[in-house]
C-alpha atoms as a PDB file:
ATOM      1  CA  MET A   1       6.352   1.263  -5.201  1.00  0.00           C
ATOM      2  CA  GLY A   2       9.841   3.398  -5.134  1.00  0.00           C
ATOM      3  CA  SER A   3       9.076   4.254  -8.166  1.00  0.00           C
ATOM      4  CA  GLY A   4      10.845   8.080  -7.602  1.00  0.00           C
ATOM      5  CA  GLU A   5      14.680   5.935  -7.402  1.00  0.00           C
ATOM      6  CA  LYS A   6      13.982   3.027 -10.220  1.00  0.00           C
ATOM      7  CA  ILE A   7      11.577   2.241 -12.578  1.00  0.00           C
ATOM      8  CA  GLU A   8       7.878   1.605 -11.088  1.00  0.00           C
ATOM      9  CA  ASN A   9       6.662  -2.130 -10.110  1.00  0.00           C
ATOM     10  CA  THR A  10       9.751  -3.569 -11.135  1.00  0.00           C
ATOM     11  CA  MET A  11      12.584  -6.393  -9.187  1.00  0.00           C
ATOM     12  CA  GLU A  12      14.689  -3.519  -9.515  1.00  0.00           C
ATOM     13  CA  ALA A  13      12.581  -1.321  -7.334  1.00  0.00           C
ATOM     14  CA  PHE A  14      11.385  -3.469  -4.889  1.00  0.00           C
ATOM     15  CA  THR A  15      14.872  -4.448  -4.146  1.00  0.00           C
ATOM     16  CA  ASN A  16      15.864  -1.467  -3.804  1.00  0.00           C
ATOM     17  CA  ALA A  17      13.504  -0.447  -1.437  1.00  0.00           C
ATOM     18  CA  ILE A  18      14.511  -3.046   0.937  1.00  0.00           C
ATOM     19  CA  GLU A  19      18.009  -2.424   0.482  1.00  0.00           C
ATOM     20  CA  ASN A  20      17.038   0.950   2.028  1.00  0.00           C
ATOM     21  CA  GLY A  21      15.171   0.040   5.000  1.00  0.00           C
ATOM     22  CA  SER A  22      11.928  -0.471   3.804  1.00  0.00           C
ATOM     23  CA  GLN A  23       9.988  -3.192   5.705  1.00  0.00           C
ATOM     24  CA  MET A  24       7.067  -3.528   3.623  1.00  0.00           C
ATOM     25  CA  LEU A  25       5.801  -3.265  -0.651  1.00  0.00           C
ATOM     26  CA  GLU A  26       3.151  -1.832  -1.617  1.00  0.00           C
ATOM     27  CA  MET A  27       1.571  -3.096  -4.867  1.00  0.00           C
ATOM     28  CA  ASP A  28      -1.388  -3.538  -7.309  1.00  0.00           C
ATOM     29  CA  CYS A  29      -1.797  -6.839  -9.256  1.00  0.00           C
ATOM     30  CA  HIS A  30      -3.328  -7.714 -12.628  1.00  0.00           C
ATOM     31  CA  LEU A  31      -4.064 -10.833 -14.034  1.00  0.00           C
ATOM     32  CA  THR A  32      -2.808 -11.926 -17.911  1.00  0.00           C
ATOM     33  CA  LYS A  33      -4.920 -13.298 -20.573  1.00  0.00           C
ATOM     34  CA  ASP A  34      -2.843 -16.702 -19.942  1.00  0.00           C
ATOM     35  CA  GLY A  35      -3.444 -16.264 -16.191  1.00  0.00           C
ATOM     36  CA  HIS A  36      -0.359 -14.579 -14.682  1.00  0.00           C
ATOM     37  CA  VAL A  37      -0.447 -12.609 -11.443  1.00  0.00           C
ATOM     38  CA  VAL A  38       1.977  -9.488 -12.367  1.00  0.00           C
ATOM     39  CA  VAL A  39       2.565  -6.397 -10.637  1.00  0.00           C
ATOM     40  CA  SER A  40       1.659  -2.825 -12.594  1.00  0.00           C
ATOM     41  CA  HIS A  41      -0.416   0.336 -10.852  1.00  0.00           C
ATOM     42  CA  ASP A  42      -2.457   0.560 -14.150  1.00  0.00           C
ATOM     43  CA  GLU A  43      -4.269  -2.107 -16.013  1.00  0.00           C
ATOM     44  CA  ASN A  44      -3.952   0.086 -19.028  1.00  0.00           C
ATOM     45  CA  LEU A  45      -0.658   0.442 -20.178  1.00  0.00           C
ATOM     46  CA  LYS A  46      -0.234   3.380 -21.490  1.00  0.00           C
ATOM     47  CA  ARG A  47       1.236   5.661 -19.934  1.00  0.00           C
ATOM     48  CA  GLN A  48       3.593   3.124 -17.982  1.00  0.00           C
ATOM     49  CA  THR A  49       4.960   1.666 -21.898  1.00  0.00           C
ATOM     50  CA  GLY A  50       3.079   3.791 -24.930  1.00  0.00           C
ATOM     51  CA  VAL A  51       0.900   0.430 -25.694  1.00  0.00           C
ATOM     52  CA  ASP A  52      -2.173   0.795 -25.303  1.00  0.00           C
ATOM     53  CA  LYS A  53      -3.495  -2.189 -24.597  1.00  0.00           C
ATOM     54  CA  ASP A  54      -4.683  -3.683 -21.457  1.00  0.00           C
ATOM     55  CA  ILE A  55      -2.784  -6.156 -19.471  1.00  0.00           C
ATOM     56  CA  SER A  56      -6.052  -8.603 -19.615  1.00  0.00           C
ATOM     57  CA  SER A  57      -5.835  -8.193 -23.018  1.00  0.00           C
ATOM     58  CA  LEU A  58      -1.578  -9.700 -23.418  1.00  0.00           C
ATOM     59  CA  ASN A  59      -0.383 -13.009 -22.568  1.00  0.00           C
ATOM     60  CA  LEU A  60       2.870 -12.818 -20.176  1.00  0.00           C
ATOM     61  CA  GLU A  61       5.085 -13.269 -22.967  1.00  0.00           C
ATOM     62  CA  ASP A  62       3.889 -10.370 -24.811  1.00  0.00           C
ATOM     63  CA  LEU A  63       3.899  -7.621 -22.521  1.00  0.00           C
ATOM     64  CA  PRO A  64       5.979  -4.879 -23.255  1.00  0.00           C
ATOM     65  CA  PRO A  65       8.905  -3.277 -21.543  1.00  0.00           C
ATOM     66  CA  TYR A  66       8.246  -0.165 -19.257  1.00  0.00           C
ATOM     67  CA  LYS A  67       9.422   3.253 -20.574  1.00  0.00           C
ATOM     68  CA  GLU A  68      12.738   4.272 -19.616  1.00  0.00           C
ATOM     69  CA  ARG A  69      11.416   7.395 -17.707  1.00  0.00           C
ATOM     70  CA  LEU A  70       8.208   8.041 -15.942  1.00  0.00           C
ATOM     71  CA  GLU A  71       7.016  10.277 -14.271  1.00  0.00           C
ATOM     72  CA  VAL A  72       6.480   9.853 -10.248  1.00  0.00           C
ATOM     73  CA  THR A  73       2.698   9.685  -9.539  1.00  0.00           C
ATOM     74  CA  PHE A  74       2.722  11.330  -6.404  1.00  0.00           C
ATOM     75  CA  ASN A  75       5.436  13.547  -7.411  1.00  0.00           C
ATOM     76  CA  ALA A  76       4.038  15.632 -10.024  1.00  0.00           C
ATOM     77  CA  GLY A  77       6.886  16.877 -12.494  1.00  0.00           C
ATOM     78  CA  HIS A  78       9.686  14.958 -11.512  1.00  0.00           C
ATOM     79  CA  GLU A  79      10.707  10.984 -12.976  1.00  0.00           C
ATOM     80  CA  ASN A  80      12.459   7.723 -11.493  1.00  0.00           C
ATOM     81  CA  LYS A  81      16.209   8.733 -10.883  1.00  0.00           C
ATOM     82  CA  SER A  82      17.558   6.074 -12.220  1.00  0.00           C
ATOM     83  CA  GLY A  83      16.514   2.133 -13.090  1.00  0.00           C
ATOM     84  CA  THR A  84      17.744  -0.489 -15.690  1.00  0.00           C
ATOM     85  CA  ASP A  85      15.123  -2.737 -14.960  1.00  0.00           C
ATOM     86  CA  ARG A  86      12.234  -2.356 -17.314  1.00  0.00           C
ATOM     87  CA  LYS A  87      10.566  -5.634 -16.931  1.00  0.00           C
ATOM     88  CA  ILE A  88       6.784  -6.119 -15.188  1.00  0.00           C
ATOM     89  CA  ALA A  89       7.654  -8.235 -12.701  1.00  0.00           C
ATOM     90  CA  LEU A  90       5.601 -11.346 -11.520  1.00  0.00           C
ATOM     91  CA  LEU A  91       4.161 -11.006  -8.516  1.00  0.00           C
ATOM     92  CA  GLU A  92       5.049 -14.856  -7.860  1.00  0.00           C
ATOM     93  CA  ASP A  93       8.527 -13.530  -8.419  1.00  0.00           C
ATOM     94  CA  VAL A  94       8.428 -11.107  -5.462  1.00  0.00           C
ATOM     95  CA  PHE A  95       7.080 -13.990  -3.312  1.00  0.00           C
ATOM     96  CA  ARG A  96       9.750 -15.686  -4.088  1.00  0.00           C
ATOM     97  CA  LYS A  97      12.586 -12.795  -3.168  1.00  0.00           C
ATOM     98  CA  PHE A  98      11.278 -11.970  -0.373  1.00  0.00           C
ATOM     99  CA  PRO A  99       9.847 -14.436   1.400  1.00  0.00           C
ATOM    100  CA  LYS A 100       9.626 -12.397   5.118  1.00  0.00           C
ATOM    101  CA  ILE A 101       8.557  -9.065   3.806  1.00  0.00           C
ATOM    102  CA  PRO A 102       4.957  -7.954   4.426  1.00  0.00           C
ATOM    103  CA  VAL A 103       3.675  -7.232   1.249  1.00  0.00           C
ATOM    104  CA  SER A 104      -0.039  -4.939   0.559  1.00  0.00           C
ATOM    105  CA  ILE A 105      -1.768  -5.717  -2.259  1.00  0.00           C
ATOM    106  CA  GLU A 106      -4.265  -3.731  -3.864  1.00  0.00           C
ATOM    107  CA  ILE A 107      -7.478  -5.357  -6.210  1.00  0.00           C
ATOM    108  CA  LYS A 108      -9.395  -2.879  -7.757  1.00  0.00           C
ATOM    109  CA  GLU A 109     -10.934  -4.936 -10.614  1.00  0.00           C
ATOM    110  CA  ASP A 110     -14.084  -7.608  -9.502  1.00  0.00           C
ATOM    111  CA  ASN A 111     -11.941 -10.778 -11.010  1.00  0.00           C
ATOM    112  CA  PRO A 112     -12.552 -13.494  -8.746  1.00  0.00           C
ATOM    113  CA  GLN A 113      -9.972 -15.663 -10.743  1.00  0.00           C
ATOM    114  CA  LEU A 114      -7.317 -12.521  -9.696  1.00  0.00           C
ATOM    115  CA  MET A 115      -8.270 -12.920  -6.220  1.00  0.00           C
ATOM    116  CA  ARG A 116      -8.237 -16.731  -6.237  1.00  0.00           C
ATOM    117  CA  GLU A 117      -4.347 -17.140  -7.991  1.00  0.00           C
ATOM    118  CA  VAL A 118      -2.884 -13.745  -5.699  1.00  0.00           C
ATOM    119  CA  SER A 119      -4.700 -16.178  -2.691  1.00  0.00           C
ATOM    120  CA  THR A 120      -2.973 -19.476  -4.295  1.00  0.00           C
ATOM    121  CA  LEU A 121       0.707 -17.378  -4.399  1.00  0.00           C
ATOM    122  CA  ALA A 122       0.120 -16.145  -0.897  1.00  0.00           C
ATOM    123  CA  ARG A 123      -0.851 -20.181   0.332  1.00  0.00           C
ATOM    124  CA  ARG A 124       1.881 -21.870  -1.872  1.00  0.00           C
ATOM    125  CA  TYR A 125       4.623 -19.308  -0.457  1.00  0.00           C
ATOM    126  CA  ASP A 126       3.069 -19.980   3.345  1.00  0.00           C
ATOM    127  CA  ARG A 127       2.847 -15.909   3.763  1.00  0.00           C
ATOM    128  CA  GLU A 128      -0.932 -15.712   4.099  1.00  0.00           C
ATOM    129  CA  GLY A 129      -0.014 -13.690   7.674  1.00  0.00           C
ATOM    130  CA  ILE A 130       2.203 -11.197   6.463  1.00  0.00           C
ATOM    131  CA  THR A 131       0.241 -10.849   2.449  1.00  0.00           C
ATOM    132  CA  LEU A 132      -2.486  -8.288   2.937  1.00  0.00           C
ATOM    133  CA  TRP A 133      -5.770  -7.911   0.752  1.00  0.00           C
ATOM    134  CA  ALA A 134      -6.269  -3.656   0.007  1.00  0.00           C
ATOM    135  CA  SER A 135      -9.206  -2.674  -1.926  1.00  0.00           C
ATOM    136  CA  GLU A 136     -11.365   1.339  -1.617  1.00  0.00           C
ATOM    137  CA  ASP A 137     -13.882  -0.657  -2.856  1.00  0.00           C
ATOM    138  CA  ALA A 138     -15.852  -2.771  -0.108  1.00  0.00           C
ATOM    139  CA  GLU A 139     -17.652  -5.292  -2.326  1.00  0.00           C
ATOM    140  CA  ILE A 140     -14.733  -6.346  -3.970  1.00  0.00           C
ATOM    141  CA  LEU A 141     -12.479  -6.636  -0.299  1.00  0.00           C
ATOM    142  CA  ASN A 142     -15.616  -9.126   0.828  1.00  0.00           C
ATOM    143  CA  LYS A 143     -14.987 -11.514  -1.907  1.00  0.00           C
ATOM    144  CA  CYS A 144     -11.277 -10.978  -1.464  1.00  0.00           C
ATOM    145  CA  ARG A 145     -11.777 -12.590   2.332  1.00  0.00           C
ATOM    146  CA  SER A 146     -14.410 -15.000   1.265  1.00  0.00           C
ATOM    147  CA  ILE A 147     -11.863 -16.595  -1.295  1.00  0.00           C
ATOM    148  CA  ASN A 148      -9.021 -16.529   1.631  1.00  0.00           C
ATOM    149  CA  GLY A 149     -10.075 -15.308   4.726  1.00  0.00           C
ATOM    150  CA  ALA A 150      -6.762 -16.168   6.204  1.00  0.00           C
ATOM    151  CA  MET A 151      -4.770 -12.955   5.694  1.00  0.00           C
ATOM    152  CA  PRO A 152      -4.807  -9.974   6.908  1.00  0.00           C
ATOM    153  CA  TYR A 153      -6.868  -7.082   5.040  1.00  0.00           C
ATOM    154  CA  SER A 154      -7.121  -3.131   5.164  1.00  0.00           C
ATOM    155  CA  PHE A 155     -10.382  -0.418   5.015  1.00  0.00           C
ATOM    156  CA  SER A 156     -12.472   0.028   2.462  1.00  0.00           C
ATOM    157  CA  LYS A 157     -13.209   3.701   1.230  1.00  0.00           C
ATOM    158  CA  LYS A 158     -16.957   2.320   3.324  1.00  0.00           C
ATOM    159  CA  ARG A 159     -15.747   1.016   6.202  1.00  0.00           C
ATOM    160  CA  GLY A 160     -13.417   3.756   6.919  1.00  0.00           C
ATOM    161  CA  ILE A 161     -16.157   6.473   6.570  1.00  0.00           C
ATOM    162  CA  LEU A 162     -18.017   4.009   9.035  1.00  0.00           C
ATOM    163  CA  LEU A 163     -15.209   4.201  11.202  1.00  0.00           C
ATOM    164  CA  LEU A 164     -14.793   7.937  11.184  1.00  0.00           C
ATOM    165  CA  LEU A 165     -18.844   7.500  12.141  1.00  0.00           C
ATOM    166  CA  LEU A 166     -18.156   5.445  15.246  1.00  0.00           C
ATOM    167  CA  TYR A 167     -14.936   7.561  16.400  1.00  0.00           C
ATOM    168  CA  TYR A 168     -17.041  10.974  16.205  1.00  0.00           C
ATOM    169  CA  THR A 169     -20.353   9.415  17.799  1.00  0.00           C
ATOM    170  CA  GLY A 170     -17.589   7.639  20.778  1.00  0.00           C
ATOM    171  CA  LEU A 171     -19.299   4.162  19.962  1.00  0.00           C
ATOM    172  CA  LEU A 172     -15.522   3.059  18.529  1.00  0.00           C
ATOM    173  CA  PRO A 173     -14.572   1.116  21.468  1.00  0.00           C
ATOM    174  CA  PHE A 174     -17.739  -1.210  21.579  1.00  0.00           C
ATOM    175  CA  VAL A 175     -17.292  -2.081  18.219  1.00  0.00           C
ATOM    176  CA  PRO A 176     -15.153  -5.079  16.821  1.00  0.00           C
ATOM    177  CA  VAL A 177     -13.111  -4.225  13.777  1.00  0.00           C
ATOM    178  CA  GLY A 178     -11.744  -7.105  12.366  1.00  0.00           C
ATOM    179  CA  GLU A 179      -9.416  -5.011   9.213  1.00  0.00           C
ATOM    180  CA  SER A 180      -5.450  -4.963  10.368  1.00  0.00           C
ATOM    181  CA  VAL A 181      -4.619  -2.244   8.662  1.00  0.00           C
ATOM    182  CA  LEU A 182      -6.049   1.748   7.940  1.00  0.00           C
ATOM    183  CA  GLN A 183      -4.099   2.776   4.735  1.00  0.00           C
ATOM    184  CA  PHE A 184      -4.852   6.322   3.668  1.00  0.00           C
ATOM    185  CA  TYR A 185      -3.720   9.300   2.072  1.00  0.00           C
ATOM    186  CA  LEU A 186      -1.617  12.335   4.119  1.00  0.00           C
ATOM    187  CA  PRO A 187      -4.034  14.898   3.235  1.00  0.00           C
ATOM    188  CA  ARG A 188      -1.760  17.752   3.013  1.00  0.00           C
ATOM    189  CA  ILE A 189      -0.206  16.203  -0.203  1.00  0.00           C
ATOM    190  CA  ILE A 190      -3.230  16.262  -2.751  1.00  0.00           C
ATOM    191  CA  ASN A 191      -2.780  19.442  -5.404  1.00  0.00           C
ATOM    192  CA  ARG A 192       1.038  19.961  -3.923  1.00  0.00           C
ATOM    193  CA  THR A 193       2.664  16.685  -4.676  1.00  0.00           C
ATOM    194  CA  TYR A 194       0.100  14.679  -6.112  1.00  0.00           C
ATOM    195  CA  LYS A 195      -2.330  16.114  -8.762  1.00  0.00           C
ATOM    196  CA  PRO A 196      -5.664  14.606  -8.794  1.00  0.00           C
ATOM    197  CA  GLU A 197      -6.607  14.037 -12.105  1.00  0.00           C
ATOM    198  CA  ASN A 198     -10.469  12.518 -12.586  1.00  0.00           C
ATOM    199  CA  THR A 199     -11.596  14.078  -9.311  1.00  0.00           C
ATOM    200  CA  GLU A 200     -12.779  17.552  -9.738  1.00  0.00           C
ATOM    201  CA  ILE A 201     -13.855  18.039  -5.764  1.00  0.00           C
ATOM    202  CA  LEU A 202      -9.854  16.773  -4.774  1.00  0.00           C
ATOM    203  CA  LYS A 203      -9.345  20.080  -6.577  1.00  0.00           C
ATOM    204  CA  LYS A 204     -10.785  22.442  -4.405  1.00  0.00           C
ATOM    205  CA  SER A 205      -8.694  23.242  -1.262  1.00  0.00           C
ATOM    206  CA  TRP A 206     -11.719  23.475   1.071  1.00  0.00           C
ATOM    207  CA  VAL A 207     -12.440  20.068   0.681  1.00  0.00           C
ATOM    208  CA  ILE A 208      -8.669  19.045   1.209  1.00  0.00           C
ATOM    209  CA  SER A 209      -9.033  20.985   4.555  1.00  0.00           C
ATOM    210  CA  LEU A 210     -11.612  19.270   5.416  1.00  0.00           C
ATOM    211  CA  ILE A 211     -10.672  16.057   5.015  1.00  0.00           C
ATOM    212  CA  ASP A 212      -7.070  17.119   6.531  1.00  0.00           C
ATOM    213  CA  LYS A 213      -9.513  17.663   9.587  1.00  0.00           C
ATOM    214  CA  THR A 214     -11.816  14.946   9.990  1.00  0.00           C
ATOM    215  CA  THR A 215      -9.582  12.320   9.393  1.00  0.00           C
ATOM    216  CA  MET A 216      -6.237  13.451  10.815  1.00  0.00           C
ATOM    217  CA  ARG A 217      -6.717  12.664  14.311  1.00  0.00           C
ATOM    218  CA  LYS A 218      -4.525  11.646  16.522  1.00  0.00           C
ATOM    219  CA  ASN A 219      -6.648  10.387  19.521  1.00  0.00           C
ATOM    220  CA  LEU A 220      -8.126   8.220  16.230  1.00  0.00           C
ATOM    221  CA  PHE A 221      -5.070   6.930  15.357  1.00  0.00           C
ATOM    222  CA  LYS A 222      -3.582   6.362  18.999  1.00  0.00           C
ATOM    223  CA  HIS A 223      -7.158   4.091  19.339  1.00  0.00           C
ATOM    224  CA  LEU A 224      -6.334   2.339  16.237  1.00  0.00           C
ATOM    225  CA  ALA A 225      -2.721   1.628  17.217  1.00  0.00           C
ATOM    226  CA  ASP A 226      -3.270   0.481  20.466  1.00  0.00           C
ATOM    227  CA  ARG A 227      -5.702  -2.342  19.311  1.00  0.00           C
ATOM    228  CA  GLY A 228      -3.180  -3.570  17.380  1.00  0.00           C
ATOM    229  CA  ILE A 229      -4.270  -1.866  14.225  1.00  0.00           C
ATOM    230  CA  GLN A 230      -1.611  -0.207  11.949  1.00  0.00           C
ATOM    231  CA  VAL A 231      -1.986   3.392  10.928  1.00  0.00           C
ATOM    232  CA  HIS A 232      -0.061   3.619   7.095  1.00  0.00           C
ATOM    233  CA  LEU A 233      -0.252   7.263   5.775  1.00  0.00           C
ATOM    234  CA  PHE A 234       0.770   7.659   1.795  1.00  0.00           C
ATOM    235  CA  VAL A 235       2.121   8.991  -0.457  1.00  0.00           C
ATOM    236  CA  CYS A 236       5.088  10.610   1.688  1.00  0.00           C
ATOM    237  CA  ASN A 237       7.839  12.325  -0.584  1.00  0.00           C
ATOM    238  CA  LYS A 238       9.178  14.810   1.210  1.00  0.00           C
ATOM    239  CA  ASN A 239      11.095  14.916   4.676  1.00  0.00           C
ATOM    240  CA  GLU A 240       7.986  17.453   5.662  1.00  0.00           C
ATOM    241  CA  ASP A 241       5.734  15.296   4.721  1.00  0.00           C
ATOM    242  CA  ILE A 242       7.259  12.421   6.482  1.00  0.00           C
ATOM    243  CA  LYS A 243       7.492  14.496   9.836  1.00  0.00           C
ATOM    244  CA  ALA A 244       3.850  15.064   9.674  1.00  0.00           C
ATOM    245  CA  ALA A 245       2.661  11.743   9.581  1.00  0.00           C
ATOM    246  CA  PHE A 246       4.963  10.530  11.752  1.00  0.00           C
ATOM    247  CA  ASP A 247       3.933  12.952  14.253  1.00  0.00           C
ATOM    248  CA  LEU A 248      -0.039  12.460  14.091  1.00  0.00           C
ATOM    249  CA  GLY A 249       1.018   8.522  15.041  1.00  0.00           C
ATOM    250  CA  ALA A 250       1.464   7.031  12.167  1.00  0.00           C
ATOM    251  CA  THR A 251       2.269   3.272  12.423  1.00  0.00           C
ATOM    252  CA  GLY A 252       3.756   3.184   9.087  1.00  0.00           C
ATOM    253  CA  VAL A 253       4.476   5.518   6.021  1.00  0.00           C
ATOM    254  CA  MET A 254       4.620   4.788   2.496  1.00  0.00           C
ATOM    255  CA  THR A 255       6.600   6.412   0.199  1.00  0.00           C
ATOM    256  CA  ASP A 256       8.455   6.545  -3.874  1.00  0.00           C
ATOM    257  CA  TYR A 257      11.874   7.293  -2.174  1.00  0.00           C
ATOM    258  CA  PRO A 258      12.960   5.053   0.217  1.00  0.00           C
ATOM    259  CA  THR A 259      16.413   6.294   0.433  1.00  0.00           C
ATOM    260  CA  LEU A 260      14.798   9.555   1.964  1.00  0.00           C
ATOM    261  CA  LEU A 261      12.335   7.779   4.441  1.00  0.00           C
ATOM    262  CA  SER A 262      15.318   5.760   5.668  1.00  0.00           C
ATOM    263  CA  THR A 263      17.704   8.619   6.175  1.00  0.00           C
ATOM    264  CA  TYR A 264      14.915  10.532   7.770  1.00  0.00           C
ATOM    265  CA  VAL A 265      14.485   8.067  10.243  1.00  0.00           C
ATOM    266  CA  ARG A 266      18.198   7.294  10.957  1.00  0.00           C
ATOM    267  CA  THR A 267      18.721  11.255  11.480  1.00  0.00           C
ATOM    268  CA  HIS A 268      15.175  12.545  12.693  1.00  0.00           C
ATOM    269  CA  MET A 269      13.942   9.241  14.807  1.00  0.00           C
ATOM    270  CA  ARG A 270      17.422   8.849  16.483  1.00  0.00           C
ATOM    271  CA  VAL A 271      17.853   5.337  14.589  1.00  0.00           C
ATOM    272  CA  ASP A 272      21.333   4.543  13.470  1.00  0.00           C
ATOM    273  CA  ASP A 273      20.146   0.930  11.232  1.00  0.00           C
ATOM    274  CA  PRO A 274      16.924   1.599  10.127  1.00  0.00           C
ATOM    275  CA  ASN A 275      17.404  -2.268   8.991  1.00  0.00           C
ATOM    276  CA  SER A 276      17.598  -3.273  12.982  1.00  0.00           C
ATOM    277  CA  SER A 277      15.146  -5.492  14.156  1.00  0.00           C
ATOM    278  CA  SER A 278      14.224  -2.894  17.042  1.00  0.00           C
ATOM    279  CA  THR A 279      13.514  -0.242  14.497  1.00  0.00           C
ATOM    280  CA  GLN A 280      11.194  -2.612  12.113  1.00  0.00           C
ATOM    281  CA  GLU A 281       9.432  -3.019  14.968  1.00  0.00           C
ATOM    282  CA  GLN A 282       8.645   0.600  15.516  1.00  0.00           C
ATOM    283  CA  VAL A 283       9.495   2.427  12.404  1.00  0.00           C
ATOM    284  CA  LEU A 284       9.253   2.762   8.625  1.00  0.00           C
ATOM    285  CA  LEU A 285       6.981  -0.362   7.881  1.00  0.00           C
ATOM    286  CA  GLY A 286       7.196  -2.950  10.252  1.00  0.00           C
ATOM    287  CA  LEU A 287       4.358  -4.499  10.132  1.00  0.00           C
ATOM    288  CA  GLU A 288       5.290  -8.548   9.713  1.00  0.00           C
ATOM    289  CA  GLN A 289       4.747  -9.925  13.406  1.00  0.00           C
ATOM    290  CA  THR A 290       0.893  -7.196  13.579  1.00  0.00           C
ATOM    291  CA  LEU A 291       0.121  -9.543  10.641  1.00  0.00           C
ATOM    292  CA  GLN A 292       1.339 -12.711  11.351  1.00  0.00           C
ATOM    293  CA  ASP A 293      -0.291 -11.958  15.001  1.00  0.00           C
ATOM    294  CA  GLN A 294      -4.121 -10.847  13.361  1.00  0.00           C
ATOM    295  CA  GLY A 295      -3.956 -12.677  10.157  1.00  0.00           C
ATOM    296  CA  ALA A 296      -4.160 -16.027  12.543  1.00  0.00           C
ATOM    297  CA  ASN A 297      -6.234 -14.251  15.248  1.00  0.00           C
ATOM    298  CA  PRO A 298      -9.853 -16.215  15.986  1.00  0.00           C
ATOM    299  CA  ARG A 299     -11.215 -12.290  16.909  1.00  0.00           C
ATOM    300  CA  VAL A 300     -10.599 -11.169  13.117  1.00  0.00           C
ATOM    301  CA  GLN A 301     -14.401 -10.688  12.696  1.00  0.00           C
ATOM    302  CA  THR A 302     -16.510 -10.989   9.925  1.00  0.00           C
ATOM    303  CA  GLU A 303     -16.744  -7.615   7.970  1.00  0.00           C
ATOM    304  CA  GLN A 304     -20.614  -5.974   8.273  1.00  0.00           C
ATOM    305  CA  ASP A 305     -21.884  -4.709   5.467  1.00  0.00           C
END
């Protein structure tokens, strides 16, 4: 989060994002050997710190500092512009400093202890309604929800595919949807600003074109928005991508450059102050009220897989 302007996933990066108009933070969390929930994109620390060890193998006090400069994952060839904070952040510190800011937490590993600790922290800081479960893996997401069903949740990859099938068959309006947020790549960034390393199929231009044509549907996004479901497209690190996302009807845009997004909103969307209350309800990632409403809404359905 904010890795284009500060060292990724540090408290300095989060603070910079909020001060520049971001209204939601997105992060991945992992569990240290001694049971602390920390914020890190990777479980293995080699890319970020140069130390080839997993977070789960180290106690909190033994976690190494980030490198002084890191390449921006979704803007290949570019590094963070500045930043002095090199400490791996605790999720609890994020909750404590930003009590009213919605946070999307991606759980990448099947670790019930991690899920329980995240849930406990959300309850302790009275923010279950604005803390979002996120995972591409449907089984992991189901376990997260079984541990804390009061927290809103995003679409898994499996549920996203089902969503498309329902949309194209015309059945979507008649099917209950429990998810609060659809988070998805803006396909046009793949192989341009984001270079996939391990997935060969995504390196083929025709595959990206097909994904773009089948998923980036304005009518689908409007339908979801009309049902109170947020649509977030990521990771938009250029003005042209931010414009494309909003033109498609996205209700939120994720970026590694919060200043860029704030400037775009101010200059292109007739918004004088990206931090104003009216802006928070309409643009950027103004998700707080939506998640508060849906997190406590008894209409949330149990996911069927």
